[in-house]
Amino acid sequence: MQAKRIIPCLDVDDGRVVKGIKFKGIQDAGDPVELARRYNDDGADELTFLDIGASYKSRATLLDVVRQVAEEVFIPLCVGGGIRAVDDMREAMNAGADKVSVCTSALKNPRLLSEMARAYGSQCVVLSIDAARTGTDKNGKPVWTAFSHGGRTDTGIDAIQWAIQAVELGTGEILLNSIDADGTGAGYDLELTAAILDAVPVPVIASGGAGDLDQIASVLLSTGTAVADGAGNAAPGADAALVASLLHFGKTTIREIKKHAESKGVCVRW
């Protein structure tokens, strides 16, 4: 069984880590370099940095943070926010990123995913999907659409179909953000996660809603039915869990998360 990853997410704005609820109500959560060092020492498998301002100025600030962190930690770094072209990706990689996450820019120009994959390989291309439930189809099943601009704009694009298209274009990993669950502590959107897992063959990182240790373990365990499996065996759950508020505000630690997940049958990295 492949080990699952625990990934702290640092939303950075004006050089500080911040956190909100459903992408709103932003509050300060600490110094990004200090938090990164703490999470590295505590056993994080990766770190994700997201520039929530996404302007040129804020991205430059974020890259300075990434440079400082890259000098101190030895785990993979993913950087996202304001990446609009391969040149932006190059700046992030040169600053110390191991992979780059894109959202709005890819929705505007899907070919960007292919360009990035050609330049650095699919393993370096992460598509961030900010999805919210926007209705049901004729069979009564939920419909999720992809949002852009930090969760502010509903593109009307079906999130599941967008994930499929993105993988065909060269995306190597999906960072799945549930807007409905974000910051609520009510748990990950398991139904949304299962739908994406069933649709694509690449790793899926679940994000949004972690409120306790059981919820983190749950999203890493079975969440859906594997379409490719003719026997209908359950999918193995998300490949990784993104965690923010629980860690930033001292409610738990990465070691506690891993110990609990392991007790529930999740294979984790130590």
C-alpha atoms as a PDB file:
ATOM      1  CA  MET A   1       0.000   0.000   0.000  1.00  0.00           C
ATOM      2  CA  GLN A   2       1.339   3.415  -0.950  1.00  0.00           C
ATOM      3  CA  ALA A   3       1.932   5.688   2.034  1.00  0.00           C
ATOM      4  CA  LYS A   4      -0.427   8.620   2.336  1.00  0.00           C
ATOM      5  CA  ARG A   5       0.893  12.156   2.768  1.00  0.00           C
ATOM      6  CA  ILE A   6       0.062  14.810   5.340  1.00  0.00           C
ATOM      7  CA  ILE A   7       0.619  18.260   3.838  1.00  0.00           C
ATOM      8  CA  PRO A   8       0.364  21.503   5.804  1.00  0.00           C
ATOM      9  CA  CYS A   9      -1.035  24.331   3.699  1.00  0.00           C
ATOM     10  CA  LEU A  10       0.267  27.835   4.210  1.00  0.00           C
ATOM     11  CA  ASP A  11      -1.936  30.505   2.640  1.00  0.00           C
ATOM     12  CA  VAL A  12       0.404  33.479   2.441  1.00  0.00           C
ATOM     13  CA  ASP A  13      -0.663  37.100   2.098  1.00  0.00           C
ATOM     14  CA  ASP A  14       1.712  40.041   2.474  1.00  0.00           C
ATOM     15  CA  GLY A  15       4.358  37.768   3.982  1.00  0.00           C
ATOM     16  CA  ARG A  16       2.113  36.216   6.658  1.00  0.00           C
ATOM     17  CA  VAL A  17       0.201  32.939   6.901  1.00  0.00           C
ATOM     18  CA  VAL A  18      -3.549  33.566   7.031  1.00  0.00           C
ATOM     19  CA  LYS A  19      -6.664  31.394   7.290  1.00  0.00           C
ATOM     20  CA  GLY A  20     -10.348  31.948   6.675  1.00  0.00           C
ATOM     21  CA  ILE A  21     -13.658  30.091   6.510  1.00  0.00           C
ATOM     22  CA  LYS A  22     -15.111  29.267   3.096  1.00  0.00           C
ATOM     23  CA  PHE A  23     -12.424  31.536   1.616  1.00  0.00           C
ATOM     24  CA  LYS A  24     -13.658  34.493   3.724  1.00  0.00           C
ATOM     25  CA  GLY A  25     -13.032  35.995   7.175  1.00  0.00           C
ATOM     26  CA  ILE A  26      -9.252  35.962   6.846  1.00  0.00           C
ATOM     27  CA  GLN A  27      -7.186  36.059  10.052  1.00  0.00           C
ATOM     28  CA  ASP A  28      -3.470  35.990  10.796  1.00  0.00           C
ATOM     29  CA  ALA A  29      -1.993  32.562  11.576  1.00  0.00           C
ATOM     30  CA  GLY A  30       1.719  33.207  11.931  1.00  0.00           C
ATOM     31  CA  ASP A  31       5.111  33.565  10.281  1.00  0.00           C
ATOM     32  CA  PRO A  32       5.471  31.257   7.252  1.00  0.00           C
ATOM     33  CA  VAL A  33       9.158  30.452   7.761  1.00  0.00           C
ATOM     34  CA  GLU A  34       8.639  29.648  11.432  1.00  0.00           C
ATOM     35  CA  LEU A  35       5.622  27.441  10.665  1.00  0.00           C
ATOM     36  CA  ALA A  36       7.407  25.687   7.805  1.00  0.00           C
ATOM     37  CA  ARG A  37      10.352  24.884  10.061  1.00  0.00           C
ATOM     38  CA  ARG A  38       8.000  23.528  12.729  1.00  0.00           C
ATOM     39  CA  TYR A  39       6.088  21.334  10.304  1.00  0.00           C
ATOM     40  CA  ASN A  40       9.273  20.023   8.718  1.00  0.00           C
ATOM     41  CA  ASP A  41      10.620  19.025  12.132  1.00  0.00           C
ATOM     42  CA  ASP A  42       7.284  17.443  13.060  1.00  0.00           C
ATOM     43  CA  GLY A  43       7.260  15.108  10.054  1.00  0.00           C
ATOM     44  CA  ALA A  44       5.323  16.842   7.274  1.00  0.00           C
ATOM     45  CA  ASP A  45       5.609  15.000   3.961  1.00  0.00           C
ATOM     46  CA  GLU A  46       5.354  18.174   1.878  1.00  0.00           C
ATOM     47  CA  LEU A  47       4.510  21.852   2.234  1.00  0.00           C
ATOM     48  CA  THR A  48       2.079  23.813   0.081  1.00  0.00           C
ATOM     49  CA  PHE A  49       2.378  27.586  -0.212  1.00  0.00           C
ATOM     50  CA  LEU A  50      -0.521  29.469  -1.773  1.00  0.00           C
ATOM     51  CA  ASP A  51      -0.329  33.180  -2.553  1.00  0.00           C
ATOM     52  CA  ILE A  52      -3.897  34.259  -1.876  1.00  0.00           C
ATOM     53  CA  GLY A  53      -3.219  37.816  -3.063  1.00  0.00           C
ATOM     54  CA  ALA A  54      -1.961  36.548  -6.425  1.00  0.00           C
ATOM     55  CA  SER A  55      -0.701  39.945  -7.587  1.00  0.00           C
ATOM     56  CA  TYR A  56       2.822  40.325  -8.914  1.00  0.00           C
ATOM     57  CA  LYS A  57       3.892  42.041  -5.676  1.00  0.00           C
ATOM     58  CA  SER A  58       2.413  39.367  -3.421  1.00  0.00           C
ATOM     59  CA  ARG A  59       3.854  36.557  -5.548  1.00  0.00           C
ATOM     60  CA  ALA A  60       7.302  38.133  -5.285  1.00  0.00           C
ATOM     61  CA  THR A  61       6.864  38.227  -1.492  1.00  0.00           C
ATOM     62  CA  LEU A  62       5.826  34.575  -1.487  1.00  0.00           C
ATOM     63  CA  LEU A  63       8.865  33.557  -3.544  1.00  0.00           C
ATOM     64  CA  ASP A  64      11.106  35.274  -0.996  1.00  0.00           C
ATOM     65  CA  VAL A  65       9.434  33.112   1.660  1.00  0.00           C
ATOM     66  CA  VAL A  66       9.958  29.988  -0.453  1.00  0.00           C
ATOM     67  CA  ARG A  67      13.667  30.815  -0.860  1.00  0.00           C
ATOM     68  CA  GLN A  68      14.059  31.143   2.903  1.00  0.00           C
ATOM     69  CA  VAL A  69      12.174  27.901   3.563  1.00  0.00           C
ATOM     70  CA  ALA A  70      14.026  25.963   0.857  1.00  0.00           C
ATOM     71  CA  GLU A  71      17.294  26.717   2.651  1.00  0.00           C
ATOM     72  CA  GLU A  72      16.032  25.152   5.864  1.00  0.00           C
ATOM     73  CA  VAL A  73      13.778  22.215   5.001  1.00  0.00           C
ATOM     74  CA  PHE A  74      14.280  19.115   2.919  1.00  0.00           C
ATOM     75  CA  ILE A  75      10.747  18.104   1.933  1.00  0.00           C
ATOM     76  CA  PRO A  76       8.949  18.899  -1.345  1.00  0.00           C
ATOM     77  CA  LEU A  77       7.524  22.396  -1.712  1.00  0.00           C
ATOM     78  CA  CYS A  78       4.512  23.234  -3.868  1.00  0.00           C
ATOM     79  CA  VAL A  79       3.878  26.871  -4.746  1.00  0.00           C
ATOM     80  CA  GLY A  80       0.661  28.314  -6.155  1.00  0.00           C
ATOM     81  CA  GLY A  81      -1.116  31.594  -6.715  1.00  0.00           C
ATOM     82  CA  GLY A  82      -0.497  34.083  -9.488  1.00  0.00           C
ATOM     83  CA  ILE A  83       1.199  31.554 -11.772  1.00  0.00           C
ATOM     84  CA  ARG A  84       0.027  32.685 -15.200  1.00  0.00           C
ATOM     85  CA  ALA A  85       2.780  31.498 -17.552  1.00  0.00           C
ATOM     86  CA  VAL A  86       5.698  29.095 -17.806  1.00  0.00           C
ATOM     87  CA  ASP A  87       7.998  31.995 -16.905  1.00  0.00           C
ATOM     88  CA  ASP A  88       6.154  32.338 -13.574  1.00  0.00           C
ATOM     89  CA  MET A  89       6.573  28.613 -13.022  1.00  0.00           C
ATOM     90  CA  ARG A  90      10.270  28.952 -13.765  1.00  0.00           C
ATOM     91  CA  GLU A  91      10.615  31.695 -11.134  1.00  0.00           C
ATOM     92  CA  ALA A  92       8.921  29.488  -8.558  1.00  0.00           C
ATOM     93  CA  MET A  93      11.075  26.476  -9.400  1.00  0.00           C
ATOM     94  CA  ASN A  94      14.223  28.594  -9.259  1.00  0.00           C
ATOM     95  CA  ALA A  95      13.143  29.863  -5.841  1.00  0.00           C
ATOM     96  CA  GLY A  96      13.046  26.297  -4.536  1.00  0.00           C
ATOM     97  CA  ALA A  97       9.633  24.911  -5.467  1.00  0.00           C
ATOM     98  CA  ASP A  98       9.477  21.263  -6.503  1.00  0.00           C
ATOM     99  CA  LYS A  99       6.100  21.691  -8.181  1.00  0.00           C
ATOM    100  CA  VAL A 100       3.653  24.441  -9.010  1.00  0.00           C
ATOM    101  CA  SER A 101      -0.093  24.730  -8.516  1.00  0.00           C
ATOM    102  CA  VAL A 102      -2.398  26.649 -10.870  1.00  0.00           C
ATOM    103  CA  CYS A 103      -6.121  27.372 -10.731  1.00  0.00           C
ATOM    104  CA  THR A 104      -7.578  30.494 -12.352  1.00  0.00           C
ATOM    105  CA  SER A 105      -4.904  30.766 -15.035  1.00  0.00           C
ATOM    106  CA  ALA A 106      -5.558  27.193 -16.184  1.00  0.00           C
ATOM    107  CA  LEU A 107      -9.310  27.773 -16.327  1.00  0.00           C
ATOM    108  CA  LYS A 108      -8.667  30.793 -18.539  1.00  0.00           C
ATOM    109  CA  ASN A 109      -6.064  29.001 -20.668  1.00  0.00           C
ATOM    110  CA  PRO A 110      -6.136  25.190 -20.342  1.00  0.00           C
ATOM    111  CA  ARG A 111      -3.174  24.919 -22.748  1.00  0.00           C
ATOM    112  CA  LEU A 112      -1.015  26.351 -19.964  1.00  0.00           C
ATOM    113  CA  LEU A 113      -1.110  22.902 -18.331  1.00  0.00           C
ATOM    114  CA  SER A 114       0.419  21.312 -21.413  1.00  0.00           C
ATOM    115  CA  GLU A 115       3.034  24.044 -21.693  1.00  0.00           C
ATOM    116  CA  MET A 116       4.043  23.574 -18.072  1.00  0.00           C
ATOM    117  CA  ALA A 117       4.178  19.793 -18.425  1.00  0.00           C
ATOM    118  CA  ARG A 118       6.401  20.077 -21.501  1.00  0.00           C
ATOM    119  CA  ALA A 119       8.721  22.462 -19.678  1.00  0.00           C
ATOM    120  CA  TYR A 120       9.113  20.606 -16.396  1.00  0.00           C
ATOM    121  CA  GLY A 121       7.205  17.313 -16.590  1.00  0.00           C
ATOM    122  CA  SER A 122       3.721  16.365 -15.426  1.00  0.00           C
ATOM    123  CA  GLN A 123       5.019  15.511 -11.951  1.00  0.00           C
ATOM    124  CA  CYS A 124       5.629  19.236 -11.406  1.00  0.00           C
ATOM    125  CA  VAL A 125       2.151  20.355 -12.524  1.00  0.00           C
ATOM    126  CA  VAL A 126      -0.599  20.489  -9.903  1.00  0.00           C
ATOM    127  CA  LEU A 127      -4.095  21.620 -10.836  1.00  0.00           C
ATOM    128  CA  SER A 128      -5.856  23.294  -7.936  1.00  0.00           C
ATOM    129  CA  ILE A 129      -9.640  22.915  -8.247  1.00  0.00           C
ATOM    130  CA  ASP A 130     -11.739  25.170  -6.019  1.00  0.00           C
ATOM    131  CA  ALA A 131     -15.101  23.406  -6.194  1.00  0.00           C
ATOM    132  CA  ALA A 132     -18.508  24.041  -4.672  1.00  0.00           C
ATOM    133  CA  ARG A 133     -21.775  22.155  -4.920  1.00  0.00           C
ATOM    134  CA  THR A 134     -24.066  24.167  -7.178  1.00  0.00           C
ATOM    135  CA  GLY A 135     -27.024  21.858  -7.730  1.00  0.00           C
ATOM    136  CA  THR A 136     -28.036  18.387  -8.821  1.00  0.00           C
ATOM    137  CA  ASP A 137     -28.338  16.661 -12.179  1.00  0.00           C
ATOM    138  CA  LYS A 138     -31.468  15.035 -13.619  1.00  0.00           C
ATOM    139  CA  ASN A 139     -30.723  11.899 -11.613  1.00  0.00           C
ATOM    140  CA  GLY A 140     -30.499  13.805  -8.372  1.00  0.00           C
ATOM    141  CA  LYS A 141     -26.742  13.465  -8.088  1.00  0.00           C
ATOM    142  CA  PRO A 142     -24.730  16.473  -6.889  1.00  0.00           C
ATOM    143  CA  VAL A 143     -23.076  18.798  -9.364  1.00  0.00           C
ATOM    144  CA  TRP A 144     -19.902  20.658  -8.430  1.00  0.00           C
ATOM    145  CA  THR A 145     -18.532  23.523 -10.489  1.00  0.00           C
ATOM    146  CA  ALA A 146     -15.033  24.968 -10.568  1.00  0.00           C
ATOM    147  CA  PHE A 147     -14.547  28.454  -9.167  1.00  0.00           C
ATOM    148  CA  SER A 148     -11.831  30.926 -10.091  1.00  0.00           C
ATOM    149  CA  HIS A 149     -10.286  34.021  -8.510  1.00  0.00           C
ATOM    150  CA  GLY A 150      -9.919  32.569  -5.029  1.00  0.00           C
ATOM    151  CA  GLY A 151     -13.375  31.041  -4.931  1.00  0.00           C
ATOM    152  CA  ARG A 152     -15.153  34.253  -5.907  1.00  0.00           C
ATOM    153  CA  THR A 153     -16.245  33.419  -9.461  1.00  0.00           C
ATOM    154  CA  ASP A 154     -18.345  30.442 -10.506  1.00  0.00           C
ATOM    155  CA  THR A 155     -17.080  29.482 -13.953  1.00  0.00           C
ATOM    156  CA  GLY A 156     -19.987  27.110 -14.586  1.00  0.00           C
ATOM    157  CA  ILE A 157     -17.441  24.440 -15.574  1.00  0.00           C
ATOM    158  CA  ASP A 158     -18.188  20.995 -14.191  1.00  0.00           C
ATOM    159  CA  ALA A 159     -15.399  20.234 -11.706  1.00  0.00           C
ATOM    160  CA  ILE A 160     -15.268  16.523 -12.517  1.00  0.00           C
ATOM    161  CA  GLN A 161     -15.022  17.064 -16.254  1.00  0.00           C
ATOM    162  CA  TRP A 162     -12.434  19.776 -15.698  1.00  0.00           C
ATOM    163  CA  ALA A 163     -10.269  17.350 -13.722  1.00  0.00           C
ATOM    164  CA  ILE A 164     -10.481  14.786 -16.526  1.00  0.00           C
ATOM    165  CA  GLN A 165      -9.565  17.353 -19.174  1.00  0.00           C
ATOM    166  CA  ALA A 166      -6.693  18.698 -17.099  1.00  0.00           C
ATOM    167  CA  VAL A 167      -5.109  15.276 -16.701  1.00  0.00           C
ATOM    168  CA  GLU A 168      -5.376  14.725 -20.458  1.00  0.00           C
ATOM    169  CA  LEU A 169      -3.527  18.042 -20.913  1.00  0.00           C
ATOM    170  CA  GLY A 170      -0.641  17.025 -18.659  1.00  0.00           C
ATOM    171  CA  THR A 171      -1.629  17.632 -15.035  1.00  0.00           C
ATOM    172  CA  GLY A 172       0.192  15.222 -12.731  1.00  0.00           C
ATOM    173  CA  GLU A 173      -1.744  15.840  -9.522  1.00  0.00           C
ATOM    174  CA  ILE A 174      -5.049  17.354  -8.379  1.00  0.00           C
ATOM    175  CA  LEU A 175      -5.316  19.616  -5.351  1.00  0.00           C
ATOM    176  CA  LEU A 176      -9.027  19.450  -4.575  1.00  0.00           C
ATOM    177  CA  ASN A 177     -10.356  22.313  -2.458  1.00  0.00           C
ATOM    178  CA  SER A 178     -13.934  22.103  -1.196  1.00  0.00           C
ATOM    179  CA  ILE A 179     -15.216  25.650  -0.835  1.00  0.00           C
ATOM    180  CA  ASP A 180     -18.259  24.361   1.068  1.00  0.00           C
ATOM    181  CA  ALA A 181     -16.067  22.669   3.683  1.00  0.00           C
ATOM    182  CA  ASP A 182     -13.137  25.097   3.819  1.00  0.00           C
ATOM    183  CA  GLY A 183     -12.286  26.180   7.362  1.00  0.00           C
ATOM    184  CA  THR A 184     -15.522  24.807   8.814  1.00  0.00           C
ATOM    185  CA  GLY A 185     -13.989  21.918  10.740  1.00  0.00           C
ATOM    186  CA  ALA A 186     -16.961  19.809   9.670  1.00  0.00           C
ATOM    187  CA  GLY A 187     -14.863  17.341   7.699  1.00  0.00           C
ATOM    188  CA  TYR A 188     -13.714  16.942   4.122  1.00  0.00           C
ATOM    189  CA  ASP A 189     -16.288  16.644   1.353  1.00  0.00           C
ATOM    190  CA  LEU A 190     -15.975  12.874   0.955  1.00  0.00           C
ATOM    191  CA  GLU A 191     -18.529  12.747  -1.846  1.00  0.00           C
ATOM    192  CA  LEU A 192     -16.662  15.295  -3.937  1.00  0.00           C
ATOM    193  CA  THR A 193     -13.345  13.615  -3.188  1.00  0.00           C
ATOM    194  CA  ALA A 194     -14.724  10.231  -4.241  1.00  0.00           C
ATOM    195  CA  ALA A 195     -16.069  11.663  -7.494  1.00  0.00           C
ATOM    196  CA  ILE A 196     -12.664  13.083  -8.440  1.00  0.00           C
ATOM    197  CA  LEU A 197     -10.831   9.919  -7.372  1.00  0.00           C
ATOM    198  CA  ASP A 198     -13.125   7.875  -9.572  1.00  0.00           C
ATOM    199  CA  ALA A 199     -12.577  10.185 -12.530  1.00  0.00           C
ATOM    200  CA  VAL A 200      -8.804  10.565 -12.764  1.00  0.00           C
ATOM    201  CA  PRO A 201      -5.754   8.272 -12.515  1.00  0.00           C
ATOM    202  CA  VAL A 202      -3.428  10.817 -10.895  1.00  0.00           C
ATOM    203  CA  PRO A 203      -2.884  11.495  -7.166  1.00  0.00           C
ATOM    204  CA  VAL A 204      -5.585  13.569  -5.466  1.00  0.00           C
ATOM    205  CA  ILE A 205      -4.920  15.812  -2.464  1.00  0.00           C
ATOM    206  CA  ALA A 206      -8.049  16.440  -0.383  1.00  0.00           C
ATOM    207  CA  SER A 207      -8.396  19.935   1.050  1.00  0.00           C
ATOM    208  CA  GLY A 208     -10.938  21.839   3.099  1.00  0.00           C
ATOM    209  CA  GLY A 209     -12.789  21.018   6.290  1.00  0.00           C
ATOM    210  CA  ALA A 210     -10.390  19.116   8.555  1.00  0.00           C
ATOM    211  CA  GLY A 211     -11.774  19.454  12.076  1.00  0.00           C
ATOM    212  CA  ASP A 212     -10.471  16.420  13.915  1.00  0.00           C
ATOM    213  CA  LEU A 213      -8.196  13.414  13.553  1.00  0.00           C
ATOM    214  CA  ASP A 214     -10.983  11.030  12.536  1.00  0.00           C
ATOM    215  CA  GLN A 215     -11.920  13.240   9.594  1.00  0.00           C
ATOM    216  CA  ILE A 216      -8.359  13.255   8.295  1.00  0.00           C
ATOM    217  CA  ALA A 217      -8.133   9.472   8.555  1.00  0.00           C
ATOM    218  CA  SER A 218     -11.506   9.096   6.824  1.00  0.00           C
ATOM    219  CA  VAL A 219     -10.551  11.003   3.694  1.00  0.00           C
ATOM    220  CA  LEU A 220      -7.379   8.920   3.384  1.00  0.00           C
ATOM    221  CA  LEU A 221      -9.340   5.682   3.656  1.00  0.00           C
ATOM    222  CA  SER A 222     -11.944   4.389   1.211  1.00  0.00           C
ATOM    223  CA  THR A 223     -14.029   7.250  -0.212  1.00  0.00           C
ATOM    224  CA  GLY A 224     -15.430   5.976  -3.481  1.00  0.00           C
ATOM    225  CA  THR A 225     -15.813   3.205  -6.013  1.00  0.00           C
ATOM    226  CA  ALA A 226     -12.975   2.690  -8.457  1.00  0.00           C
ATOM    227  CA  VAL A 227     -14.449   2.974 -11.936  1.00  0.00           C
ATOM    228  CA  ALA A 228     -11.555   1.093 -13.508  1.00  0.00           C
ATOM    229  CA  ASP A 229     -12.144  -1.904 -11.240  1.00  0.00           C
ATOM    230  CA  GLY A 230     -14.723  -4.174 -12.827  1.00  0.00           C
ATOM    231  CA  ALA A 231     -15.371  -5.780  -9.459  1.00  0.00           C
ATOM    232  CA  GLY A 232     -16.442  -2.416  -8.072  1.00  0.00           C
ATOM    233  CA  ASN A 233     -13.868  -2.437  -5.300  1.00  0.00           C
ATOM    234  CA  ALA A 234     -13.636   0.711  -3.246  1.00  0.00           C
ATOM    235  CA  ALA A 235     -11.106   3.377  -4.178  1.00  0.00           C
ATOM    236  CA  PRO A 236      -8.211   3.713  -1.727  1.00  0.00           C
ATOM    237  CA  GLY A 237      -9.078   7.218  -0.578  1.00  0.00           C
ATOM    238  CA  ALA A 238      -7.247  10.457  -1.217  1.00  0.00           C
ATOM    239  CA  ASP A 239      -3.508  10.207  -1.749  1.00  0.00           C
ATOM    240  CA  ALA A 240      -2.865  13.075   0.645  1.00  0.00           C
ATOM    241  CA  ALA A 241      -4.661  15.346   3.081  1.00  0.00           C
ATOM    242  CA  LEU A 242      -4.060  19.077   3.224  1.00  0.00           C
ATOM    243  CA  VAL A 243      -4.328  20.483   6.750  1.00  0.00           C
ATOM    244  CA  ALA A 244      -4.252  24.121   7.827  1.00  0.00           C
ATOM    245  CA  SER A 245      -6.276  25.478  10.770  1.00  0.00           C
ATOM    246  CA  LEU A 246      -5.804  22.431  12.997  1.00  0.00           C
ATOM    247  CA  LEU A 247      -2.042  22.843  12.751  1.00  0.00           C
ATOM    248  CA  HIS A 248      -1.718  26.624  12.595  1.00  0.00           C
ATOM    249  CA  PHE A 249      -3.757  27.177  15.761  1.00  0.00           C
ATOM    250  CA  GLY A 250      -2.103  24.388  17.757  1.00  0.00           C
ATOM    251  CA  LYS A 251      -5.038  21.991  17.940  1.00  0.00           C
ATOM    252  CA  THR A 252      -2.916  19.027  16.887  1.00  0.00           C
ATOM    253  CA  THR A 253       0.449  18.091  15.398  1.00  0.00           C
ATOM    254  CA  ILE A 254       1.501  16.169  12.324  1.00  0.00           C
ATOM    255  CA  ARG A 255       2.818  13.334  14.468  1.00  0.00           C
ATOM    256  CA  GLU A 256      -0.549  13.066  16.221  1.00  0.00           C
ATOM    257  CA  ILE A 257      -2.331  13.056  12.861  1.00  0.00           C
ATOM    258  CA  LYS A 258      -0.107  10.284  11.532  1.00  0.00           C
ATOM    259  CA  LYS A 259      -0.306   8.197  14.695  1.00  0.00           C
ATOM    260  CA  HIS A 260      -4.105   8.355  14.675  1.00  0.00           C
ATOM    261  CA  ALA A 261      -4.386   7.686  10.949  1.00  0.00           C
ATOM    262  CA  GLU A 262      -2.110   4.672  11.300  1.00  0.00           C
ATOM    263  CA  SER A 263      -4.302   3.330  14.114  1.00  0.00           C
ATOM    264  CA  LYS A 264      -7.259   3.479  11.690  1.00  0.00           C
ATOM    265  CA  GLY A 265      -5.421   1.466   9.032  1.00  0.00           C
ATOM    266  CA  VAL A 266      -3.880   4.262   6.978  1.00  0.00           C
ATOM    267  CA  CYS A 267      -0.346   3.662   5.710  1.00  0.00           C
ATOM    268  CA  VAL A 268       1.659   6.802   6.548  1.00  0.00           C
ATOM    269  CA  ARG A 269       5.266   7.885   6.167  1.00  0.00           C
ATOM    270  CA  TRP A 270       7.502   8.198   9.225  1.00  0.00           C
END
